[in-house]
Amino acid sequence: MDVLEHNEFSNLSEEHITLGKFQSLDPNEYLYLDGNSLTTADLVRLGKGLFKIKLTNHAEEKVNEAREVIETILKENRVIYGVNTGFGKLAQTIIPQDNVERTRMLLALRINVLAKGYSGISMETVQAMINAFNASCLSWVPEKGTVGASGDLAPLAHLTLGLMGEGRMWSPRSGWGHAKTVLECNGLTPLVLKAKEGLSLINGTQMISSMGAEVVERAVGVARQADVIAALSLEALRGTTKAFHSDVHAVRPHPGQVEVALRLRSLLDSEVFPSQISESHRLCDRVQDAYTLRCIPQVHGVVNDTIAFVKSLLFTELNSATDNPLVFAERGETISGGNFHGEYPAKALDYLAIGVHELASMSERRTERLVNPSLSELPAFLVENGGINSGFMMAHCTAAALVSENKTLCHPSSVDSLSTSAATEDHVSMGGWAARKALRVVEHVEQVLAIELLAACQALEFLRPLKSTTPLEKVHELVRSVVRPWDCDRQMSPDIEAAHMLLREGKARNKPLLSIISCAVQCKLLSQSSLSQDGLSDRCAHLVIIANAFN
């Protein structure tokens, strides 16, 4: 999913979707949903079209049992909110029974929460939604219009509208068209909703949460690679590794801090991976580095812990019943509650944006040190013939602009609330904006780190013929496979875009990880044939620990 703009929920627009870009589904690959075990990574994979969907047998049973409760209520003519009444302020309005009646991640997540069996929806309707997902029939859904309290009502209503054969819809087979035509083109028929099903399909936090899953998975990827890029910059700036000693972090053992320090030690000069650059300044009189180098574990570490917290919270949210009223089939009862309120994912995504932003804040300052000759002892703006060439001058300005924009975007949306639905919904989460902001913040962080990655690799060119460690040299090789060294001024935006794509694909993490794993394998083979097995085995075990730190 691209950063959301132009009032659309995803990049499913005529301008963005083509059959050639869409990833077709393997008819034999299914992901089973049960309403309890869907992860953020699973949901992103579903969004990319890597799996079709089925419900587990137990989930089908739960759905059917809850629907039986609704049918009983209707037969007994009991008045129950959302079953045979209006919604919100109109809850006192009883609706005749025959009048009772929202691409991919959103649809998949809605199916998953319905699979818990607390919504009272019929298995027939859930199966129709699954069939639409598996055929990639995706409704047009706007990104704006939810206050994130009584569920993401407007976006989910658009999702449902297409399934009902109304509004616009897209599929690989048909392209964009009227929803009824798209469904028929794929051998499907529009939904005909039964009692309570209208509310069951639009009441919940699935837009906030599905977008949040995208945000948190991208945050995981960029946080891992931020450590690699920071290590490259430290090498280029000829910094010291003393601040990353395990003893320093053992006495302040926050998990993220300890993990980042381990990753830095694995990438920088060591007995396993010696660095000629580090060796060249080993006897210098510098005692310590600036904070953006020395405090990488402490700052990057809390980002990692923030991401872990939000990921855990979203796992719960992805697998929660957020409908209202809820149907408890085991005792034949419905209860009106407030699980639709989006405060949990809204607050978490505001927190995630604030946390992940610090990666860009640190990165921009390291880029400043790289391009500033009084701080780096390198050519000004990392280019020869300064004055004729401006080198990375404007690239650093771009990074500064993105960091500044992020500071505004990090203002929490969830501190705001406006009463809606004639004061029935008198406190709201604004979680839709929290999710959209967080996605934009993560995108900016990726771009700022892409600029630092280019600058660090360019700085290494001025230290040749000295080499860095094997893992960092692999990253340098990766960058040079798509961006050539900066010898004179040229258009830089294609270079930044290429580096950004490397980060989006996780390659700046994969390259050093492969080097570490390869070294571990070679070490294991040597230990099996060497007379001094104990030392080699210890080294091998150490490499395995390091490799795990990158996962």
Protein backbone atom coordinates (compact mmCIF):
# COMPACT_ATOMS: atom_id res chain seq x y z
CA MET A 1 0.00 0.00 0.00
CA ASP A 2 1.42 3.38 -0.97
CA VAL A 3 1.16 6.46 1.20
CA LEU A 4 -2.51 7.37 1.06
CA GLU A 5 -3.40 10.46 -0.91
CA HIS A 6 -6.12 11.75 -3.22
CA ASN A 7 -8.91 10.69 -0.85
CA GLU A 8 -8.52 6.96 -1.45
CA PHE A 9 -8.05 4.21 1.10
CA SER A 10 -5.46 2.30 -0.93
CA ASN A 11 -3.68 2.64 -4.23
CA LEU A 12 -6.59 0.94 -5.96
CA SER A 13 -7.32 3.64 -8.50
CA GLU A 14 -7.39 3.80 -12.28
CA GLU A 15 -4.07 5.63 -12.16
CA HIS A 16 -2.33 3.00 -10.04
CA ILE A 17 -3.79 -0.44 -10.75
CA THR A 18 -2.97 -2.44 -13.81
CA LEU A 19 -3.25 -6.13 -14.41
CA GLY A 20 0.51 -6.35 -14.81
CA LYS A 21 1.16 -4.90 -11.37
CA PHE A 22 -1.32 -7.08 -9.52
CA GLN A 23 0.03 -10.23 -7.89
CA SER A 24 -2.18 -13.14 -8.87
CA LEU A 25 -3.31 -15.67 -6.30
CA ASP A 26 -2.04 -19.23 -6.28
CA PRO A 27 -5.24 -21.30 -6.25
CA ASN A 28 -3.60 -23.82 -3.91
CA GLU A 29 -2.35 -21.34 -1.29
CA TYR A 30 -4.80 -20.62 1.52
CA LEU A 31 -4.53 -18.84 4.84
CA TYR A 32 -7.06 -20.13 7.36
CA LEU A 33 -8.80 -17.53 9.50
CA ASP A 34 -10.26 -18.26 12.93
CA GLY A 35 -10.61 -14.79 14.46
CA ASN A 36 -7.86 -15.50 17.00
CA SER A 37 -4.44 -15.87 15.36
CA LEU A 38 -4.09 -13.38 12.46
CA THR A 39 -0.76 -11.47 12.68
CA THR A 40 0.16 -8.11 11.17
CA ALA A 41 2.58 -9.91 8.83
CA ASP A 42 -0.19 -12.32 7.76
CA LEU A 43 -2.49 -9.41 7.00
CA VAL A 44 0.16 -7.63 4.90
CA ARG A 45 0.72 -10.88 2.95
CA LEU A 46 -3.01 -11.11 2.32
CA GLY A 47 -2.96 -7.51 1.13
CA LYS A 48 -0.26 -8.39 -1.40
CA GLY A 49 -2.36 -11.20 -2.81
CA LEU A 50 -0.14 -14.05 -1.63
CA PHE A 51 -2.97 -16.19 -0.23
CA LYS A 52 -6.64 -16.92 -0.60
CA ILE A 53 -8.83 -17.26 2.49
CA LYS A 54 -10.75 -20.07 4.17
CA LEU A 55 -12.31 -20.28 7.60
CA THR A 56 -11.43 -23.07 10.00
CA ASN A 57 -14.20 -25.55 10.78
CA HIS A 58 -14.39 -24.26 14.36
CA ALA A 59 -14.82 -20.67 13.11
CA GLU A 60 -17.68 -21.74 10.84
CA GLU A 61 -19.39 -23.43 13.77
CA LYS A 62 -19.05 -20.28 15.91
CA VAL A 63 -20.52 -18.12 13.13
CA ASN A 64 -23.48 -20.44 12.68
CA GLU A 65 -24.17 -20.65 16.41
CA ALA A 66 -24.25 -16.84 16.77
CA ARG A 67 -26.55 -16.52 13.76
CA GLU A 68 -29.01 -18.94 15.32
CA VAL A 69 -29.31 -16.54 18.27
CA ILE A 70 -30.27 -13.69 15.92
CA GLU A 71 -32.87 -15.83 14.13
CA THR A 72 -34.42 -16.75 17.47
CA ILE A 73 -34.62 -13.09 18.48
CA LEU A 74 -36.41 -12.27 15.23
CA LYS A 75 -38.89 -15.14 15.62
CA GLU A 76 -39.73 -14.00 19.13
CA ASN A 77 -40.15 -10.37 17.99
CA ARG A 78 -37.78 -9.10 20.71
CA VAL A 79 -36.47 -5.53 20.18
CA ILE A 80 -32.65 -5.61 20.12
CA TYR A 81 -30.37 -2.71 19.12
CA GLY A 82 -28.92 -3.15 15.65
CA VAL A 83 -31.00 -6.24 14.96
CA ASN A 84 -34.36 -4.66 14.37
CA THR A 85 -33.74 -1.03 15.39
CA GLY A 86 -31.96 1.92 13.82
CA PHE A 87 -28.39 2.86 14.77
CA GLY A 88 -26.94 5.50 17.09
CA LYS A 89 -29.47 8.27 17.78
CA LEU A 90 -32.04 6.26 15.77
CA ALA A 91 -31.79 3.27 18.10
CA GLN A 92 -35.35 3.90 19.27
CA THR A 93 -36.69 3.45 15.72
CA ILE A 94 -37.92 -0.07 15.05
CA ILE A 95 -37.37 -1.22 11.45
CA PRO A 96 -39.54 -3.82 9.68
CA GLN A 97 -37.68 -7.12 9.23
CA ASP A 98 -37.56 -6.99 5.42
CA ASN A 99 -36.02 -3.46 5.53
CA VAL A 100 -33.15 -4.47 7.80
CA GLU A 101 -30.16 -4.86 5.83
CA ARG A 102 -16.73 -2.30 2.57
CA THR A 103 -9.18 -3.32 -0.66
CA ARG A 104 -7.92 -6.44 0.34
CA MET A 105 -6.48 -6.07 3.89
CA LEU A 106 -9.62 -4.33 5.06
CA LEU A 107 -11.82 -7.06 3.63
CA ALA A 108 -9.60 -9.86 4.97
CA LEU A 109 -9.54 -8.31 8.45
CA ARG A 110 -13.31 -7.86 8.47
CA ILE A 111 -13.71 -11.53 7.57
CA ASN A 112 -11.30 -12.50 10.37
CA VAL A 113 -13.20 -10.64 13.11
CA LEU A 114 -16.51 -12.04 11.87
CA ALA A 115 -14.93 -15.51 12.09
CA LYS A 116 -14.78 -15.16 15.88
CA GLY A 117 -18.51 -15.83 15.91
CA TYR A 118 -19.77 -12.97 18.07
CA SER A 119 -21.46 -10.85 15.38
CA GLY A 120 -24.52 -12.89 14.50
CA ILE A 121 -23.77 -12.75 10.78
CA SER A 122 -24.77 -15.69 8.61
CA MET A 123 -22.18 -18.11 7.22
CA GLU A 124 -23.70 -17.46 3.81
CA THR A 125 -22.72 -13.79 4.00
CA VAL A 126 -19.23 -14.55 5.35
CA GLN A 127 -18.70 -17.05 2.53
CA ALA A 128 -19.78 -14.44 -0.03
CA MET A 129 -17.17 -12.07 1.42
CA ILE A 130 -14.53 -14.82 1.21
CA ASN A 131 -15.50 -15.51 -2.40
CA ALA A 132 -15.14 -11.81 -3.23
CA PHE A 133 -11.72 -11.70 -1.54
CA ASN A 134 -10.51 -14.82 -3.34
CA ALA A 135 -11.64 -13.36 -6.68
CA SER A 136 -10.00 -10.02 -5.75
CA CYS A 137 -13.26 -8.12 -6.13
CA LEU A 138 -12.39 -4.97 -4.19
CA SER A 139 -14.75 -2.11 -3.42
CA TRP A 140 -13.74 1.53 -3.82
CA VAL A 141 -13.10 2.77 -0.27
CA PRO A 142 -12.22 6.38 0.66
CA GLU A 143 -9.42 6.90 3.13
CA LYS A 144 -11.14 9.78 4.92
CA GLY A 145 -14.42 10.05 6.74
CA THR A 146 -13.99 7.97 9.90
CA VAL A 147 -13.76 9.37 13.41
CA GLY A 148 -12.86 5.90 14.69
CA ALA A 149 -15.41 5.54 17.43
CA SER A 150 -18.56 3.66 16.46
CA GLY A 151 -16.22 1.68 14.27
CA ASP A 152 -14.87 2.90 10.92
CA LEU A 153 -18.42 3.34 9.74
CA ALA A 154 -18.03 5.27 6.47
CA PRO A 155 -15.05 3.29 5.05
CA LEU A 156 -16.58 -0.06 6.03
CA ALA A 157 -19.90 1.04 4.53
CA HIS A 158 -18.12 1.60 1.19
CA LEU A 159 -16.53 -1.86 1.51
CA THR A 160 -19.96 -3.40 2.03
CA LEU A 161 -21.57 -1.28 -0.68
CA GLY A 162 -19.48 -2.93 -3.38
CA LEU A 163 -20.25 -6.39 -2.01
CA MET A 164 -23.92 -5.49 -2.32
CA GLY A 165 -23.43 -4.66 -6.01
CA GLU A 166 -23.57 -0.88 -5.52
CA GLY A 167 -20.94 1.79 -6.14
CA ARG A 168 -17.58 1.10 -7.78
CA MET A 169 -15.45 -2.04 -7.61
CA TRP A 170 -12.26 -3.41 -9.15
CA SER A 171 -11.04 -6.89 -10.01
CA PRO A 172 -8.12 -8.17 -12.11
CA ARG A 173 -10.56 -9.68 -14.56
CA SER A 174 -12.76 -6.63 -15.08
CA GLY A 175 -10.79 -3.56 -14.08
CA TRP A 176 -12.86 -0.72 -12.60
CA GLY A 177 -16.60 -0.76 -13.09
CA HIS A 178 -19.99 -0.80 -11.44
CA ALA A 179 -19.85 -3.25 -8.53
CA LYS A 180 -22.70 -5.44 -9.79
CA THR A 181 -21.01 -5.82 -13.19
CA VAL A 182 -17.63 -6.61 -11.58
CA LEU A 183 -19.17 -9.26 -9.34
CA GLU A 184 -21.04 -10.85 -12.24
CA CYS A 185 -17.86 -10.82 -14.36
CA ASN A 186 -16.30 -13.00 -11.63
CA GLY A 187 -19.28 -15.33 -11.30
CA LEU A 188 -20.48 -13.77 -8.04
CA THR A 189 -23.80 -12.32 -6.95
CA PRO A 190 -24.39 -9.24 -4.79
CA LEU A 191 -24.97 -9.66 -1.07
CA VAL A 192 -28.53 -9.59 0.19
CA LEU A 193 -28.26 -8.67 3.85
CA LYS A 194 -30.32 -10.20 6.63
CA ALA A 195 -31.25 -8.78 10.02
CA LYS A 196 -28.30 -7.20 11.90
CA GLU A 197 -25.86 -7.94 9.05
CA GLY A 198 -25.67 -4.30 7.95
CA LEU A 199 -24.36 -3.30 11.35
CA SER A 200 -22.16 -6.41 11.59
CA LEU A 201 -20.36 -5.37 8.41
CA ILE A 202 -19.70 -1.71 9.24
CA ASN A 203 -19.19 -1.71 13.02
CA GLY A 204 -15.51 -2.13 13.97
CA THR A 205 -11.93 -0.77 13.91
CA GLN A 206 -10.77 -2.62 10.80
CA MET A 207 -9.70 0.38 8.71
CA ILE A 208 -7.54 1.73 11.55
CA SER A 209 -6.16 -1.72 12.29
CA SER A 210 -5.55 -2.92 8.74
CA MET A 211 -3.67 0.28 7.92
CA GLY A 212 -1.90 -0.04 11.28
CA ALA A 213 -0.69 -3.53 10.31
CA GLU A 214 0.92 -2.02 7.19
CA VAL A 215 2.53 0.72 9.30
CA VAL A 216 3.95 -1.62 11.94
CA GLU A 217 5.42 -4.10 9.42
CA ARG A 218 7.13 -1.28 7.51
CA ALA A 219 8.37 0.12 10.83
CA VAL A 220 9.90 -3.26 11.73
CA GLY A 221 11.76 -3.34 8.40
CA VAL A 222 13.08 0.21 8.54
CA ALA A 223 14.17 -0.10 12.20
CA ARG A 224 16.36 -3.14 11.44
CA GLN A 225 17.96 -1.36 8.49
CA ALA A 226 18.45 1.89 10.42
CA ASP A 227 21.04 0.07 12.56
CA VAL A 228 22.91 -1.05 9.45
CA ILE A 229 22.90 2.45 7.95
CA ALA A 230 23.99 4.00 11.25
CA ALA A 231 26.90 1.53 11.39
CA LEU A 232 27.95 2.58 7.87
CA SER A 233 27.90 6.24 8.91
CA LEU A 234 29.91 5.52 12.05
CA GLU A 235 32.53 3.76 9.93
CA ALA A 236 32.65 6.63 7.42
CA LEU A 237 32.99 9.15 10.25
CA ARG A 238 35.69 6.96 11.85
CA GLY A 239 33.82 6.65 15.12
CA THR A 240 34.57 4.36 18.05
CA THR A 241 32.77 1.14 18.93
CA LYS A 242 33.54 1.39 22.67
CA ALA A 243 30.07 2.72 23.52
CA PHE A 244 28.50 -0.51 22.22
CA HIS A 245 30.37 -2.80 24.63
CA SER A 246 28.00 -5.38 26.11
CA ASP A 247 28.85 -4.36 29.68
CA VAL A 248 27.52 -0.84 29.06
CA HIS A 249 24.11 -2.19 28.06
CA ALA A 250 23.94 -5.01 30.58
CA VAL A 251 23.58 -2.43 33.35
CA ARG A 252 20.62 -0.77 31.57
CA PRO A 253 19.06 -3.84 30.00
CA HIS A 254 16.13 -2.52 27.99
CA PRO A 255 15.52 -5.25 25.38
CA GLY A 256 15.68 -2.94 22.35
CA GLN A 257 18.84 -1.21 23.57
CA VAL A 258 20.63 -4.51 24.17
CA GLU A 259 19.50 -5.83 20.78
CA VAL A 260 20.64 -2.75 18.83
CA ALA A 261 24.04 -2.74 20.57
CA LEU A 262 24.47 -6.41 19.62
CA ARG A 263 23.60 -5.64 16.00
CA LEU A 264 26.12 -2.79 15.92
CA ARG A 265 28.85 -5.01 17.40
CA SER A 266 28.06 -7.63 14.78
CA LEU A 267 28.42 -5.13 11.93
CA LEU A 268 31.44 -3.15 13.12
CA ASP A 269 35.10 -4.04 13.72
CA SER A 270 35.60 -7.34 15.57
CA GLU A 271 37.74 -10.47 15.50
CA VAL A 272 35.13 -12.08 13.28
CA PHE A 273 34.77 -9.13 10.89
CA PRO A 274 37.87 -6.89 11.05
CA SER A 275 37.74 -3.38 9.56
CA GLN A 276 40.73 -1.68 7.89
CA ILE A 277 39.02 1.66 8.40
CA SER A 278 38.69 1.07 12.12
CA GLU A 279 42.28 -0.13 12.36
CA SER A 280 43.50 3.06 10.63
CA HIS A 281 42.33 5.29 13.50
CA ARG A 282 42.65 2.89 16.42
CA LEU A 283 45.35 5.05 18.09
CA CYS A 284 43.58 8.39 17.64
CA ASP A 285 42.96 10.50 20.77
CA ARG A 286 39.15 10.82 20.39
CA VAL A 287 37.50 9.75 23.64
CA GLN A 288 33.88 9.62 22.55
CA ASP A 289 31.54 10.46 19.67
CA ALA A 290 28.56 12.75 19.29
CA TYR A 291 25.23 11.47 20.59
CA THR A 292 23.86 10.48 17.18
CA LEU A 293 26.71 7.94 17.00
CA ARG A 294 27.33 7.11 20.64
CA CYS A 295 23.66 6.81 21.65
CA ILE A 296 22.39 4.73 18.73
CA PRO A 297 21.48 1.76 20.98
CA GLN A 298 19.60 3.94 23.43
CA VAL A 299 17.56 5.82 20.80
CA HIS A 300 17.12 3.11 18.18
CA GLY A 301 16.49 0.70 21.03
CA VAL A 302 13.42 2.45 22.36
CA VAL A 303 12.08 2.61 18.80
CA ASN A 304 12.38 -1.18 18.62
CA ASP A 305 10.60 -1.56 21.94
CA THR A 306 7.88 0.84 20.83
CA ILE A 307 7.30 -1.16 17.66
CA ALA A 308 7.15 -4.40 19.63
CA PHE A 309 4.54 -2.91 21.98
CA VAL A 310 2.37 -1.65 19.14
CA LYS A 311 2.69 -4.91 17.23
CA SER A 312 1.50 -6.83 20.27
CA LEU A 313 -1.44 -4.48 20.79
CA LEU A 314 -2.44 -4.71 17.12
CA PHE A 315 -2.33 -8.51 17.26
CA THR A 316 -4.97 -8.35 19.95
CA GLU A 317 -6.99 -5.82 17.95
CA LEU A 318 -6.82 -7.85 14.71
CA ASN A 319 -8.31 -10.80 16.53
CA SER A 320 -10.97 -9.03 18.58
CA ALA A 321 -14.72 -8.84 18.25
CA THR A 322 -15.41 -5.13 17.71
CA ASP A 323 -19.05 -5.41 16.75
CA ASN A 324 -22.07 -4.13 18.67
CA PRO A 325 -24.17 -5.69 19.96
CA LEU A 326 -22.15 -8.84 20.60
CA VAL A 327 -23.84 -12.25 20.39
CA PHE A 328 -22.95 -14.84 23.05
CA ALA A 329 -24.31 -18.02 21.52
CA GLU A 330 -23.51 -20.27 24.50
CA ARG A 331 -26.21 -18.53 26.52
CA GLY A 332 -28.38 -17.16 23.71
CA GLU A 333 -27.79 -13.54 24.70
CA THR A 334 -26.84 -10.27 23.02
CA ILE A 335 -25.02 -7.48 24.93
CA SER A 336 -24.54 -3.89 23.77
CA GLY A 337 -21.03 -2.63 24.56
CA GLY A 338 -18.28 -0.37 23.19
CA ASN A 339 -15.66 -2.64 21.60
CA PHE A 340 -16.03 -0.64 18.38
CA HIS A 341 -14.24 2.36 19.96
CA GLY A 342 -10.87 2.87 18.22
CA GLU A 343 -8.94 4.38 21.14
CA TYR A 344 -6.59 1.39 21.51
CA PRO A 345 -5.23 1.32 17.93
CA ALA A 346 -5.45 5.14 17.68
CA LYS A 347 -3.27 5.73 20.75
CA ALA A 348 -0.88 2.94 19.71
CA LEU A 349 -0.39 4.35 16.19
CA ASP A 350 0.15 7.87 17.54
CA TYR A 351 2.80 6.36 19.85
CA LEU A 352 4.34 4.44 16.95
CA ALA A 353 4.66 7.58 14.82
CA ILE A 354 6.39 9.44 17.66
CA GLY A 355 8.75 6.52 18.26
CA VAL A 356 9.70 5.71 14.65
CA HIS A 357 10.26 9.41 13.85
CA GLU A 358 13.38 9.36 16.06
CA LEU A 359 15.11 7.11 13.52
CA ALA A 360 14.82 9.96 10.99
CA SER A 361 15.75 12.58 13.56
CA MET A 362 19.01 10.71 14.31
CA SER A 363 19.62 9.91 10.66
CA GLU A 364 19.35 13.51 9.45
CA ARG A 365 21.89 14.62 12.07
CA ARG A 366 24.34 11.88 10.97
CA THR A 367 23.89 13.00 7.37
CA GLU A 368 24.72 16.54 8.48
CA ARG A 369 27.94 15.23 10.07
CA LEU A 370 28.82 13.37 6.85
CA VAL A 371 28.38 16.41 4.58
CA ASN A 372 29.94 18.94 6.97
CA PRO A 373 33.76 18.98 6.48
CA SER A 374 34.37 20.51 9.92
CA LEU A 375 32.72 17.43 11.48
CA SER A 376 33.70 14.67 9.05
CA GLU A 377 37.17 15.66 7.76
CA LEU A 378 35.76 14.64 4.36
CA PRO A 379 35.23 16.84 1.27
CA ALA A 380 32.38 19.32 1.71
CA PHE A 381 29.03 17.75 0.76
CA LEU A 382 30.89 14.54 -0.18
CA VAL A 383 31.99 15.67 -3.64
CA GLU A 384 35.23 16.80 -5.30
CA ASN A 385 35.46 20.28 -6.80
CA GLY A 386 33.08 21.88 -4.34
CA GLY A 387 31.56 25.07 -5.68
CA ILE A 388 31.37 23.61 -9.15
CA ASN A 389 29.57 20.62 -7.63
CA SER A 390 27.15 20.89 -4.71
CA GLY A 391 27.12 17.14 -4.01
CA PHE A 392 24.80 16.09 -1.18
CA MET A 393 23.89 19.65 -0.16
CA MET A 394 20.29 19.51 -1.37
CA ALA A 395 19.86 15.87 -0.42
CA HIS A 396 20.55 16.89 3.17
CA CYS A 397 18.03 19.73 2.79
CA THR A 398 15.47 17.16 1.68
CA ALA A 399 16.16 15.03 4.74
CA ALA A 400 15.81 18.09 6.98
CA ALA A 401 12.50 19.02 5.34
CA LEU A 402 11.08 15.51 5.84
CA VAL A 403 12.15 15.44 9.49
CA SER A 404 10.54 18.82 10.08
CA GLU A 405 7.31 17.67 8.43
CA ASN A 406 7.29 14.57 10.61
CA LYS A 407 7.41 16.72 13.73
CA THR A 408 4.02 18.13 12.78
CA LEU A 409 2.65 14.74 11.75
CA CYS A 410 3.67 13.30 15.13
CA HIS A 411 1.16 15.48 16.94
CA PRO A 412 -1.26 12.88 18.32
CA SER A 413 -4.59 12.79 16.54
CA SER A 414 -6.14 10.79 19.37
CA VAL A 415 -6.04 13.76 21.76
CA ASP A 416 -8.86 15.24 19.68
CA SER A 417 -12.52 14.33 19.93
CA LEU A 418 -15.70 15.72 18.37
CA SER A 419 -19.16 14.59 19.36
CA THR A 420 -21.14 12.91 16.56
CA SER A 421 -24.47 11.18 16.01
CA ALA A 422 -26.47 13.81 17.88
CA ALA A 423 -24.27 13.43 20.99
CA THR A 424 -24.83 9.66 21.25
CA GLU A 425 -21.24 9.11 20.12
CA ASP A 426 -19.90 11.90 22.33
CA HIS A 427 -16.24 10.76 22.44
CA VAL A 428 -14.30 9.54 19.40
CA SER A 429 -10.73 8.32 18.77
CA MET A 430 -9.80 9.95 15.43
CA GLY A 431 -7.94 6.69 14.77
CA GLY A 432 -8.28 6.87 10.98
CA TRP A 433 -6.11 10.01 10.91
CA ALA A 434 -3.71 8.41 13.43
CA ALA A 435 -3.21 5.49 11.02
CA ARG A 436 -2.81 7.68 7.91
CA LYS A 437 -0.35 9.98 9.72
CA ALA A 438 1.70 7.06 11.01
CA LEU A 439 1.97 5.62 7.51
CA ARG A 440 3.24 8.94 6.16
CA VAL A 441 5.75 9.26 9.04
CA VAL A 442 7.17 5.80 8.31
CA GLU A 443 7.44 6.66 4.60
CA HIS A 444 9.42 9.81 5.47
CA VAL A 445 11.68 7.83 7.83
CA GLU A 446 12.46 5.41 4.99
CA GLN A 447 13.32 8.31 2.67
CA VAL A 448 15.54 10.07 5.22
CA LEU A 449 17.42 6.83 5.88
CA ALA A 450 17.77 6.26 2.12
CA ILE A 451 19.55 9.62 1.90
CA GLU A 452 21.86 8.71 4.79
CA LEU A 453 22.58 5.36 3.15
CA LEU A 454 23.66 7.11 -0.06
CA ALA A 455 25.75 9.65 1.87
CA ALA A 456 27.49 6.99 3.99
CA CYS A 457 28.38 4.93 0.91
CA GLN A 458 29.67 8.05 -0.84
CA ALA A 459 31.78 8.90 2.23
CA LEU A 460 33.37 5.44 2.10
CA GLU A 461 34.63 6.23 -1.42
CA PHE A 462 36.93 8.89 0.08
CA LEU A 463 38.43 6.36 2.51
CA ARG A 464 39.53 3.91 -0.18
CA PRO A 465 41.54 1.76 -0.54
CA LEU A 466 40.66 0.98 3.09
CA LYS A 467 37.81 -1.48 3.53
CA SER A 468 35.13 -1.79 6.18
CA THR A 469 33.83 -5.06 7.65
CA THR A 470 32.48 -7.77 5.35
CA PRO A 471 28.80 -7.16 6.25
CA LEU A 472 29.07 -3.41 5.66
CA GLU A 473 31.01 -3.88 2.42
CA LYS A 474 28.14 -6.09 1.23
CA VAL A 475 25.73 -3.22 1.89
CA HIS A 476 28.04 -0.86 -0.03
CA GLU A 477 28.07 -3.33 -2.94
CA LEU A 478 24.28 -3.51 -2.81
CA VAL A 479 23.95 0.27 -3.09
CA ARG A 480 26.52 0.44 -5.90
CA SER A 481 24.51 -2.14 -7.83
CA VAL A 482 21.78 0.47 -8.29
CA VAL A 483 23.52 3.85 -7.71
CA ARG A 484 26.97 4.82 -9.03
CA PRO A 485 29.39 6.99 -7.00
CA TRP A 486 28.85 10.74 -7.03
CA ASP A 487 31.75 12.18 -9.07
CA CYS A 488 29.94 15.27 -10.37
CA ASP A 489 26.49 16.78 -9.99
CA ARG A 490 23.53 14.99 -11.54
CA GLN A 491 19.85 14.58 -10.84
CA MET A 492 19.65 12.93 -7.42
CA SER A 493 15.97 12.02 -7.10
CA PRO A 494 16.38 8.72 -9.05
CA ASP A 495 19.23 7.74 -6.69
CA ILE A 496 17.12 8.49 -3.61
CA GLU A 497 14.21 6.53 -5.09
CA ALA A 498 16.49 3.56 -5.84
CA ALA A 499 17.89 3.55 -2.30
CA HIS A 500 14.39 3.92 -0.89
CA MET A 501 13.30 0.86 -2.86
CA LEU A 502 16.19 -1.15 -1.38
CA LEU A 503 14.89 -0.29 2.07
CA ARG A 504 11.28 -1.07 1.19
CA GLU A 505 12.44 -4.51 0.02
CA GLY A 506 14.51 -5.09 3.18
CA LYS A 507 17.75 -5.58 1.25
CA ALA A 508 19.94 -3.42 3.50
CA ARG A 509 19.15 -5.90 6.27
CA ASN A 510 19.37 -9.05 4.18
CA LYS A 511 22.86 -8.44 2.75
CA PRO A 512 24.76 -8.25 6.09
CA LEU A 513 22.61 -11.04 7.52
CA LEU A 514 23.61 -13.34 4.64
CA SER A 515 27.28 -12.51 5.29
CA ILE A 516 26.92 -13.40 8.96
CA ILE A 517 25.08 -16.64 8.21
CA SER A 518 27.66 -17.60 5.57
CA CYS A 519 30.47 -17.01 8.05
CA ALA A 520 28.63 -19.06 10.68
CA VAL A 521 28.21 -21.97 8.24
CA GLN A 522 31.90 -21.88 7.28
CA CYS A 523 32.85 -21.71 10.95
CA LYS A 524 30.68 -24.75 11.71
CA LEU A 525 32.29 -26.73 8.90
CA LEU A 526 35.76 -25.81 10.17
CA SER A 527 34.87 -26.70 13.75
CA GLN A 528 33.82 -30.18 12.64
CA SER A 529 37.23 -30.85 11.12
CA SER A 530 39.55 -28.74 13.26
CA LEU A 531 41.71 -29.87 16.16
CA SER A 532 40.84 -26.68 18.06
CA GLN A 533 37.11 -27.26 18.00
CA ASP A 534 36.22 -25.46 21.24
CA GLY A 535 37.26 -21.98 20.07
CA LEU A 536 35.62 -22.39 16.68
CA SER A 537 32.42 -23.73 18.21
CA ASP A 538 32.22 -20.72 20.52
CA ARG A 539 32.72 -18.42 17.57
CA CYS A 540 30.06 -20.28 15.60
CA ALA A 541 27.58 -20.01 18.47
CA HIS A 542 28.35 -16.28 18.72
CA LEU A 543 27.58 -15.84 15.01
CA VAL A 544 24.26 -17.63 15.41
CA ILE A 545 23.32 -15.22 18.22
CA ILE A 546 24.26 -12.29 15.99
CA ALA A 547 22.22 -13.65 13.06
CA ASN A 548 19.20 -14.04 15.33
CA ALA A 549 19.52 -10.38 16.34
CA PHE A 550 18.73 -9.41 12.74
CA ASN A 551 15.52 -11.45 12.60
